[in-house]
Amino acid sequence: MQKIEYKIKIFEAKSLEELENEDSNLVKESQKVLKNAYAPYSKFNVGAAVLLENGEIITGTNQENSAYPSGLCAERVAMFYANSKYPNVAVKAIAVTAFFNNDYIEEPAPPCGSCRQVLLETETRFKKPIKVILFGKNKIRIIDGVKQLLPLSFTDDFLK
Protein backbone atom coordinates (compact mmCIF):
# COMPACT_ATOMS: atom_id res chain seq x y z
CA MET A 1 0.00 0.00 0.00
CA GLN A 2 1.21 3.47 -0.85
CA LYS A 3 0.52 6.65 1.11
CA ILE A 4 -0.45 9.64 -1.03
CA GLU A 5 -0.75 13.17 0.32
CA TYR A 6 -2.83 15.94 -1.17
CA LYS A 7 -1.85 19.46 -0.26
CA ILE A 8 -3.80 22.63 -0.75
CA LYS A 9 -2.47 26.15 -0.98
CA ILE A 10 -4.32 28.82 0.97
CA PHE A 11 -3.33 32.47 1.15
CA GLU A 12 -4.19 34.40 4.30
CA ALA A 13 -4.54 38.13 4.81
CA LYS A 14 -5.22 39.98 8.04
CA SER A 15 -7.32 42.77 6.54
CA LEU A 16 -9.13 43.89 3.40
CA GLU A 17 -6.35 46.40 2.77
CA GLU A 18 -3.99 43.52 1.96
CA LEU A 19 -6.23 42.29 -0.85
CA GLU A 20 -6.31 43.41 -4.46
CA ASN A 21 -9.03 46.04 -5.03
CA GLU A 22 -11.18 43.62 -7.02
CA ASP A 23 -11.10 41.04 -4.20
CA SER A 24 -11.66 43.64 -1.48
CA ASN A 25 -14.67 45.05 -3.34
CA LEU A 26 -16.13 41.57 -3.76
CA VAL A 27 -15.85 40.90 -0.02
CA LYS A 28 -17.58 44.23 0.68
CA GLU A 29 -20.43 43.20 -1.64
CA SER A 30 -20.81 39.91 0.26
CA GLN A 31 -20.97 41.90 3.50
CA LYS A 32 -23.62 44.30 2.17
CA VAL A 33 -26.12 41.53 1.42
CA LEU A 34 -25.89 39.80 4.82
CA LYS A 35 -28.93 41.72 6.03
CA ASN A 36 -30.99 40.01 3.31
CA ALA A 37 -30.34 36.51 4.65
CA TYR A 38 -33.34 34.61 5.93
CA ALA A 39 -31.88 32.79 8.94
CA PRO A 40 -34.50 32.91 11.72
CA TYR A 41 -33.48 29.51 13.11
CA SER A 42 -29.69 29.50 13.13
CA LYS A 43 -29.20 33.30 13.25
CA PHE A 44 -26.15 32.57 11.08
CA ASN A 45 -26.36 35.02 8.17
CA VAL A 46 -24.19 34.34 5.14
CA GLY A 47 -23.63 36.60 2.15
CA ALA A 48 -21.96 35.59 -1.10
CA ALA A 49 -20.85 37.73 -4.03
CA VAL A 50 -19.89 36.22 -7.38
CA LEU A 51 -17.70 38.14 -9.84
CA LEU A 52 -18.28 37.19 -13.46
CA GLU A 53 -15.84 37.55 -16.36
CA ASN A 54 -18.07 40.31 -17.80
CA GLY A 55 -17.57 42.40 -14.63
CA GLU A 56 -21.05 41.77 -13.22
CA ILE A 57 -21.38 40.97 -9.53
CA ILE A 58 -24.22 38.67 -8.47
CA THR A 59 -25.05 38.30 -4.78
CA GLY A 60 -26.92 35.76 -2.73
CA THR A 61 -27.75 34.98 0.90
CA ASN A 62 -28.62 31.86 2.82
CA GLN A 63 -32.31 31.05 2.92
CA GLU A 64 -33.42 28.81 5.78
CA ASN A 65 -36.62 26.81 6.13
CA SER A 66 -38.25 25.20 9.16
CA ALA A 67 -37.78 21.92 7.28
CA TYR A 68 -33.97 22.26 7.41
CA PRO A 69 -33.01 20.37 4.26
CA SER A 70 -35.23 22.70 2.25
CA GLY A 71 -33.04 25.76 2.77
CA LEU A 72 -30.17 26.85 0.58
CA CYS A 73 -26.70 28.27 1.23
CA ALA A 74 -25.65 31.73 0.06
CA GLU A 75 -22.98 30.32 -2.25
CA ARG A 76 -25.48 28.22 -4.20
CA VAL A 77 -28.10 30.98 -4.29
CA ALA A 78 -25.55 33.36 -5.84
CA MET A 79 -24.00 30.78 -8.16
CA PHE A 80 -27.32 29.47 -9.49
CA TYR A 81 -28.56 33.01 -10.08
CA ALA A 82 -25.33 33.94 -11.89
CA ASN A 83 -25.51 30.81 -14.05
CA SER A 84 -29.17 31.41 -14.91
CA LYS A 85 -28.78 35.13 -15.66
CA TYR A 86 -25.49 34.78 -17.57
CA PRO A 87 -25.34 31.13 -18.69
CA ASN A 88 -22.37 31.64 -21.01
CA VAL A 89 -20.20 33.82 -18.76
CA ALA A 90 -17.46 32.28 -16.61
CA VAL A 91 -17.11 33.00 -12.90
CA LYS A 92 -13.85 34.66 -11.80
CA ALA A 93 -14.32 34.67 -8.04
CA ILE A 94 -16.70 34.25 -5.14
CA ALA A 95 -16.48 35.99 -1.75
CA VAL A 96 -18.28 34.64 1.31
CA THR A 97 -18.91 36.39 4.63
CA ALA A 98 -20.78 35.09 7.69
CA PHE A 99 -22.38 37.03 10.56
CA PHE A 100 -23.47 35.55 13.91
CA ASN A 101 -24.49 37.13 17.22
CA ASN A 102 -24.47 40.61 15.69
CA ASP A 103 -20.89 40.41 14.44
CA TYR A 104 -18.72 38.89 11.75
CA ILE A 105 -17.46 35.46 12.73
CA GLU A 106 -13.86 35.22 13.93
CA GLU A 107 -12.63 32.58 11.45
CA PRO A 108 -13.69 32.40 7.80
CA ALA A 109 -16.49 29.90 7.19
CA PRO A 110 -15.68 27.48 4.36
CA PRO A 111 -18.38 26.37 1.92
CA CYS A 112 -20.26 23.18 2.79
CA GLY A 113 -19.77 20.06 0.67
CA SER A 114 -22.80 20.72 -1.53
CA CYS A 115 -21.62 24.26 -2.26
CA ARG A 116 -18.13 23.01 -3.07
CA GLN A 117 -19.60 20.57 -5.58
CA VAL A 118 -21.71 23.30 -7.22
CA LEU A 119 -18.72 25.65 -7.40
CA LEU A 120 -16.62 22.85 -8.88
CA GLU A 121 -19.27 22.17 -11.53
CA THR A 122 -19.10 25.81 -12.66
CA GLU A 123 -15.30 25.77 -12.59
CA THR A 124 -15.25 22.57 -14.68
CA ARG A 125 -17.93 23.86 -17.06
CA PHE A 126 -15.94 26.94 -18.02
CA LYS A 127 -12.49 25.33 -17.65
CA LYS A 128 -11.28 28.25 -15.50
CA PRO A 129 -10.42 28.26 -11.81
CA ILE A 130 -12.72 30.20 -9.50
CA LYS A 131 -10.97 32.17 -6.77
CA VAL A 132 -12.64 31.61 -3.40
CA ILE A 133 -12.36 34.43 -0.84
CA LEU A 134 -13.53 33.66 2.71
CA PHE A 135 -13.85 36.57 5.16
CA GLY A 136 -13.48 36.34 8.93
CA LYS A 137 -12.65 39.01 11.53
CA ASN A 138 -9.26 37.44 12.31
CA LYS A 139 -8.23 36.60 8.76
CA ILE A 140 -9.26 36.35 5.15
CA ARG A 141 -8.52 33.14 3.29
CA ILE A 142 -8.00 33.07 -0.47
CA ILE A 143 -8.01 29.83 -2.42
CA ASP A 144 -7.03 29.85 -6.10
CA GLY A 145 -9.50 27.36 -7.47
CA VAL A 146 -12.28 25.17 -6.14
CA LYS A 147 -10.32 21.98 -6.85
CA GLN A 148 -8.11 23.07 -3.94
CA LEU A 149 -11.18 22.67 -1.69
CA LEU A 150 -12.28 19.38 -3.22
CA PRO A 151 -9.15 17.41 -4.19
CA LEU A 152 -10.90 14.06 -4.75
CA SER A 153 -13.74 15.55 -6.72
CA PHE A 154 -16.55 14.01 -8.71
CA THR A 155 -16.74 15.62 -12.16
CA ASP A 156 -18.38 14.91 -15.50
CA ASP A 157 -15.37 12.76 -16.44
CA PHE A 158 -16.96 9.92 -14.47
CA LEU A 159 -20.12 10.16 -16.57
CA LYS A 160 -18.45 9.73 -19.95
C-alpha atoms as a PDB file:
ATOM      1  CA  MET A   1       0.000   0.000   0.000  1.00  0.00           C
ATOM      2  CA  GLN A   2       1.212   3.473  -0.853  1.00  0.00           C
ATOM      3  CA  LYS A   3       0.519   6.651   1.106  1.00  0.00           C
ATOM      4  CA  ILE A   4      -0.446   9.638  -1.031  1.00  0.00           C
ATOM      5  CA  GLU A   5      -0.747  13.167   0.321  1.00  0.00           C
ATOM      6  CA  TYR A   6      -2.828  15.936  -1.174  1.00  0.00           C
ATOM      7  CA  LYS A   7      -1.847  19.465  -0.256  1.00  0.00           C
ATOM      8  CA  ILE A   8      -3.804  22.631  -0.754  1.00  0.00           C
ATOM      9  CA  LYS A   9      -2.474  26.147  -0.981  1.00  0.00           C
ATOM     10  CA  ILE A  10      -4.323  28.815   0.974  1.00  0.00           C
ATOM     11  CA  PHE A  11      -3.331  32.466   1.154  1.00  0.00           C
ATOM     12  CA  GLU A  12      -4.187  34.401   4.297  1.00  0.00           C
ATOM     13  CA  ALA A  13      -4.536  38.128   4.805  1.00  0.00           C
ATOM     14  CA  LYS A  14      -5.217  39.981   8.040  1.00  0.00           C
ATOM     15  CA  SER A  15      -7.322  42.773   6.537  1.00  0.00           C
ATOM     16  CA  LEU A  16      -9.135  43.893   3.401  1.00  0.00           C
ATOM     17  CA  GLU A  17      -6.347  46.403   2.775  1.00  0.00           C
ATOM     18  CA  GLU A  18      -3.985  43.516   1.963  1.00  0.00           C
ATOM     19  CA  LEU A  19      -6.231  42.292  -0.852  1.00  0.00           C
ATOM     20  CA  GLU A  20      -6.309  43.410  -4.456  1.00  0.00           C
ATOM     21  CA  ASN A  21      -9.025  46.041  -5.028  1.00  0.00           C
ATOM     22  CA  GLU A  22     -11.182  43.618  -7.021  1.00  0.00           C
ATOM     23  CA  ASP A  23     -11.096  41.041  -4.201  1.00  0.00           C
ATOM     24  CA  SER A  24     -11.664  43.636  -1.475  1.00  0.00           C
ATOM     25  CA  ASN A  25     -14.670  45.051  -3.336  1.00  0.00           C
ATOM     26  CA  LEU A  26     -16.127  41.572  -3.764  1.00  0.00           C
ATOM     27  CA  VAL A  27     -15.854  40.900  -0.022  1.00  0.00           C
ATOM     28  CA  LYS A  28     -17.581  44.227   0.680  1.00  0.00           C
ATOM     29  CA  GLU A  29     -20.433  43.196  -1.643  1.00  0.00           C
ATOM     30  CA  SER A  30     -20.806  39.906   0.258  1.00  0.00           C
ATOM     31  CA  GLN A  31     -20.968  41.903   3.504  1.00  0.00           C
ATOM     32  CA  LYS A  32     -23.618  44.295   2.170  1.00  0.00           C
ATOM     33  CA  VAL A  33     -26.115  41.530   1.422  1.00  0.00           C
ATOM     34  CA  LEU A  34     -25.885  39.802   4.815  1.00  0.00           C
ATOM     35  CA  LYS A  35     -28.934  41.718   6.026  1.00  0.00           C
ATOM     36  CA  ASN A  36     -30.994  40.008   3.306  1.00  0.00           C
ATOM     37  CA  ALA A  37     -30.345  36.510   4.653  1.00  0.00           C
ATOM     38  CA  TYR A  38     -33.345  34.611   5.933  1.00  0.00           C
ATOM     39  CA  ALA A  39     -31.885  32.794   8.938  1.00  0.00           C
ATOM     40  CA  PRO A  40     -34.501  32.911  11.720  1.00  0.00           C
ATOM     41  CA  TYR A  41     -33.484  29.505  13.114  1.00  0.00           C
ATOM     42  CA  SER A  42     -29.686  29.503  13.134  1.00  0.00           C
ATOM     43  CA  LYS A  43     -29.205  33.300  13.248  1.00  0.00           C
ATOM     44  CA  PHE A  44     -26.147  32.571  11.079  1.00  0.00           C
ATOM     45  CA  ASN A  45     -26.359  35.018   8.169  1.00  0.00           C
ATOM     46  CA  VAL A  46     -24.193  34.341   5.137  1.00  0.00           C
ATOM     47  CA  GLY A  47     -23.627  36.598   2.152  1.00  0.00           C
ATOM     48  CA  ALA A  48     -21.960  35.593  -1.097  1.00  0.00           C
ATOM     49  CA  ALA A  49     -20.848  37.726  -4.032  1.00  0.00           C
ATOM     50  CA  VAL A  50     -19.890  36.217  -7.384  1.00  0.00           C
ATOM     51  CA  LEU A  51     -17.698  38.138  -9.839  1.00  0.00           C
ATOM     52  CA  LEU A  52     -18.280  37.190 -13.461  1.00  0.00           C
ATOM     53  CA  GLU A  53     -15.843  37.546 -16.356  1.00  0.00           C
ATOM     54  CA  ASN A  54     -18.066  40.307 -17.795  1.00  0.00           C
ATOM     55  CA  GLY A  55     -17.571  42.400 -14.632  1.00  0.00           C
ATOM     56  CA  GLU A  56     -21.053  41.767 -13.223  1.00  0.00           C
ATOM     57  CA  ILE A  57     -21.382  40.969  -9.534  1.00  0.00           C
ATOM     58  CA  ILE A  58     -24.216  38.674  -8.471  1.00  0.00           C
ATOM     59  CA  THR A  59     -25.051  38.299  -4.781  1.00  0.00           C
ATOM     60  CA  GLY A  60     -26.918  35.763  -2.725  1.00  0.00           C
ATOM     61  CA  THR A  61     -27.746  34.981   0.897  1.00  0.00           C
ATOM     62  CA  ASN A  62     -28.621  31.863   2.819  1.00  0.00           C
ATOM     63  CA  GLN A  63     -32.314  31.049   2.921  1.00  0.00           C
ATOM     64  CA  GLU A  64     -33.423  28.806   5.782  1.00  0.00           C
ATOM     65  CA  ASN A  65     -36.616  26.811   6.132  1.00  0.00           C
ATOM     66  CA  SER A  66     -38.252  25.203   9.162  1.00  0.00           C
ATOM     67  CA  ALA A  67     -37.779  21.919   7.285  1.00  0.00           C
ATOM     68  CA  TYR A  68     -33.970  22.258   7.411  1.00  0.00           C
ATOM     69  CA  PRO A  69     -33.005  20.366   4.258  1.00  0.00           C
ATOM     70  CA  SER A  70     -35.231  22.700   2.246  1.00  0.00           C
ATOM     71  CA  GLY A  71     -33.040  25.763   2.775  1.00  0.00           C
ATOM     72  CA  LEU A  72     -30.169  26.850   0.577  1.00  0.00           C
ATOM     73  CA  CYS A  73     -26.698  28.271   1.235  1.00  0.00           C
ATOM     74  CA  ALA A  74     -25.654  31.726   0.062  1.00  0.00           C
ATOM     75  CA  GLU A  75     -22.983  30.316  -2.250  1.00  0.00           C
ATOM     76  CA  ARG A  76     -25.475  28.216  -4.200  1.00  0.00           C
ATOM     77  CA  VAL A  77     -28.100  30.978  -4.293  1.00  0.00           C
ATOM     78  CA  ALA A  78     -25.552  33.361  -5.836  1.00  0.00           C
ATOM     79  CA  MET A  79     -24.000  30.777  -8.157  1.00  0.00           C
ATOM     80  CA  PHE A  80     -27.320  29.472  -9.492  1.00  0.00           C
ATOM     81  CA  TYR A  81     -28.558  33.008 -10.081  1.00  0.00           C
ATOM     82  CA  ALA A  82     -25.329  33.943 -11.892  1.00  0.00           C
ATOM     83  CA  ASN A  83     -25.515  30.806 -14.047  1.00  0.00           C
ATOM     84  CA  SER A  84     -29.168  31.409 -14.914  1.00  0.00           C
ATOM     85  CA  LYS A  85     -28.784  35.131 -15.657  1.00  0.00           C
ATOM     86  CA  TYR A  86     -25.487  34.783 -17.565  1.00  0.00           C
ATOM     87  CA  PRO A  87     -25.336  31.133 -18.688  1.00  0.00           C
ATOM     88  CA  ASN A  88     -22.365  31.637 -21.007  1.00  0.00           C
ATOM     89  CA  VAL A  89     -20.200  33.819 -18.761  1.00  0.00           C
ATOM     90  CA  ALA A  90     -17.457  32.282 -16.605  1.00  0.00           C
ATOM     91  CA  VAL A  91     -17.106  32.998 -12.903  1.00  0.00           C
ATOM     92  CA  LYS A  92     -13.851  34.659 -11.803  1.00  0.00           C
ATOM     93  CA  ALA A  93     -14.321  34.674  -8.036  1.00  0.00           C
ATOM     94  CA  ILE A  94     -16.700  34.249  -5.136  1.00  0.00           C
ATOM     95  CA  ALA A  95     -16.476  35.990  -1.749  1.00  0.00           C
ATOM     96  CA  VAL A  96     -18.282  34.638   1.312  1.00  0.00           C
ATOM     97  CA  THR A  97     -18.910  36.391   4.625  1.00  0.00           C
ATOM     98  CA  ALA A  98     -20.777  35.092   7.694  1.00  0.00           C
ATOM     99  CA  PHE A  99     -22.375  37.026  10.556  1.00  0.00           C
ATOM    100  CA  PHE A 100     -23.467  35.551  13.912  1.00  0.00           C
ATOM    101  CA  ASN A 101     -24.491  37.130  17.221  1.00  0.00           C
ATOM    102  CA  ASN A 102     -24.472  40.615  15.688  1.00  0.00           C
ATOM    103  CA  ASP A 103     -20.893  40.411  14.442  1.00  0.00           C
ATOM    104  CA  TYR A 104     -18.718  38.892  11.748  1.00  0.00           C
ATOM    105  CA  ILE A 105     -17.459  35.461  12.732  1.00  0.00           C
ATOM    106  CA  GLU A 106     -13.858  35.216  13.932  1.00  0.00           C
ATOM    107  CA  GLU A 107     -12.625  32.583  11.454  1.00  0.00           C
ATOM    108  CA  PRO A 108     -13.688  32.399   7.797  1.00  0.00           C
ATOM    109  CA  ALA A 109     -16.493  29.897   7.190  1.00  0.00           C
ATOM    110  CA  PRO A 110     -15.683  27.483   4.355  1.00  0.00           C
ATOM    111  CA  PRO A 111     -18.379  26.367   1.921  1.00  0.00           C
ATOM    112  CA  CYS A 112     -20.257  23.176   2.790  1.00  0.00           C
ATOM    113  CA  GLY A 113     -19.767  20.057   0.670  1.00  0.00           C
ATOM    114  CA  SER A 114     -22.799  20.718  -1.532  1.00  0.00           C
ATOM    115  CA  CYS A 115     -21.623  24.257  -2.255  1.00  0.00           C
ATOM    116  CA  ARG A 116     -18.131  23.015  -3.068  1.00  0.00           C
ATOM    117  CA  GLN A 117     -19.596  20.570  -5.580  1.00  0.00           C
ATOM    118  CA  VAL A 118     -21.709  23.299  -7.221  1.00  0.00           C
ATOM    119  CA  LEU A 119     -18.719  25.645  -7.398  1.00  0.00           C
ATOM    120  CA  LEU A 120     -16.616  22.850  -8.885  1.00  0.00           C
ATOM    121  CA  GLU A 121     -19.271  22.167 -11.535  1.00  0.00           C
ATOM    122  CA  THR A 122     -19.095  25.811 -12.657  1.00  0.00           C
ATOM    123  CA  GLU A 123     -15.305  25.771 -12.593  1.00  0.00           C
ATOM    124  CA  THR A 124     -15.249  22.573 -14.680  1.00  0.00           C
ATOM    125  CA  ARG A 125     -17.930  23.857 -17.060  1.00  0.00           C
ATOM    126  CA  PHE A 126     -15.937  26.943 -18.016  1.00  0.00           C
ATOM    127  CA  LYS A 127     -12.492  25.326 -17.645  1.00  0.00           C
ATOM    128  CA  LYS A 128     -11.280  28.249 -15.503  1.00  0.00           C
ATOM    129  CA  PRO A 129     -10.417  28.263 -11.811  1.00  0.00           C
ATOM    130  CA  ILE A 130     -12.715  30.198  -9.503  1.00  0.00           C
ATOM    131  CA  LYS A 131     -10.970  32.173  -6.770  1.00  0.00           C
ATOM    132  CA  VAL A 132     -12.644  31.607  -3.396  1.00  0.00           C
ATOM    133  CA  ILE A 133     -12.360  34.425  -0.837  1.00  0.00           C
ATOM    134  CA  LEU A 134     -13.533  33.660   2.713  1.00  0.00           C
ATOM    135  CA  PHE A 135     -13.855  36.567   5.161  1.00  0.00           C
ATOM    136  CA  GLY A 136     -13.478  36.336   8.930  1.00  0.00           C
ATOM    137  CA  LYS A 137     -12.648  39.010  11.525  1.00  0.00           C
ATOM    138  CA  ASN A 138      -9.262  37.443  12.307  1.00  0.00           C
ATOM    139  CA  LYS A 139      -8.226  36.598   8.762  1.00  0.00           C
ATOM    140  CA  ILE A 140      -9.261  36.349   5.150  1.00  0.00           C
ATOM    141  CA  ARG A 141      -8.516  33.142   3.286  1.00  0.00           C
ATOM    142  CA  ILE A 142      -7.999  33.065  -0.472  1.00  0.00           C
ATOM    143  CA  ILE A 143      -8.008  29.826  -2.419  1.00  0.00           C
ATOM    144  CA  ASP A 144      -7.034  29.847  -6.100  1.00  0.00           C
ATOM    145  CA  GLY A 145      -9.505  27.359  -7.470  1.00  0.00           C
ATOM    146  CA  VAL A 146     -12.282  25.175  -6.137  1.00  0.00           C
ATOM    147  CA  LYS A 147     -10.316  21.980  -6.846  1.00  0.00           C
ATOM    148  CA  GLN A 148      -8.107  23.069  -3.937  1.00  0.00           C
ATOM    149  CA  LEU A 149     -11.179  22.674  -1.692  1.00  0.00           C
ATOM    150  CA  LEU A 150     -12.278  19.379  -3.222  1.00  0.00           C
ATOM    151  CA  PRO A 151      -9.154  17.410  -4.191  1.00  0.00           C
ATOM    152  CA  LEU A 152     -10.903  14.057  -4.751  1.00  0.00           C
ATOM    153  CA  SER A 153     -13.737  15.549  -6.724  1.00  0.00           C
ATOM    154  CA  PHE A 154     -16.548  14.009  -8.714  1.00  0.00           C
ATOM    155  CA  THR A 155     -16.735  15.618 -12.164  1.00  0.00           C
ATOM    156  CA  ASP A 156     -18.375  14.912 -15.497  1.00  0.00           C
ATOM    157  CA  ASP A 157     -15.368  12.760 -16.438  1.00  0.00           C
ATOM    158  CA  PHE A 158     -16.958   9.919 -14.473  1.00  0.00           C
ATOM    159  CA  LEU A 159     -20.121  10.159 -16.570  1.00  0.00           C
ATOM    160  CA  LYS A 160     -18.447   9.726 -19.948  1.00  0.00           C
END
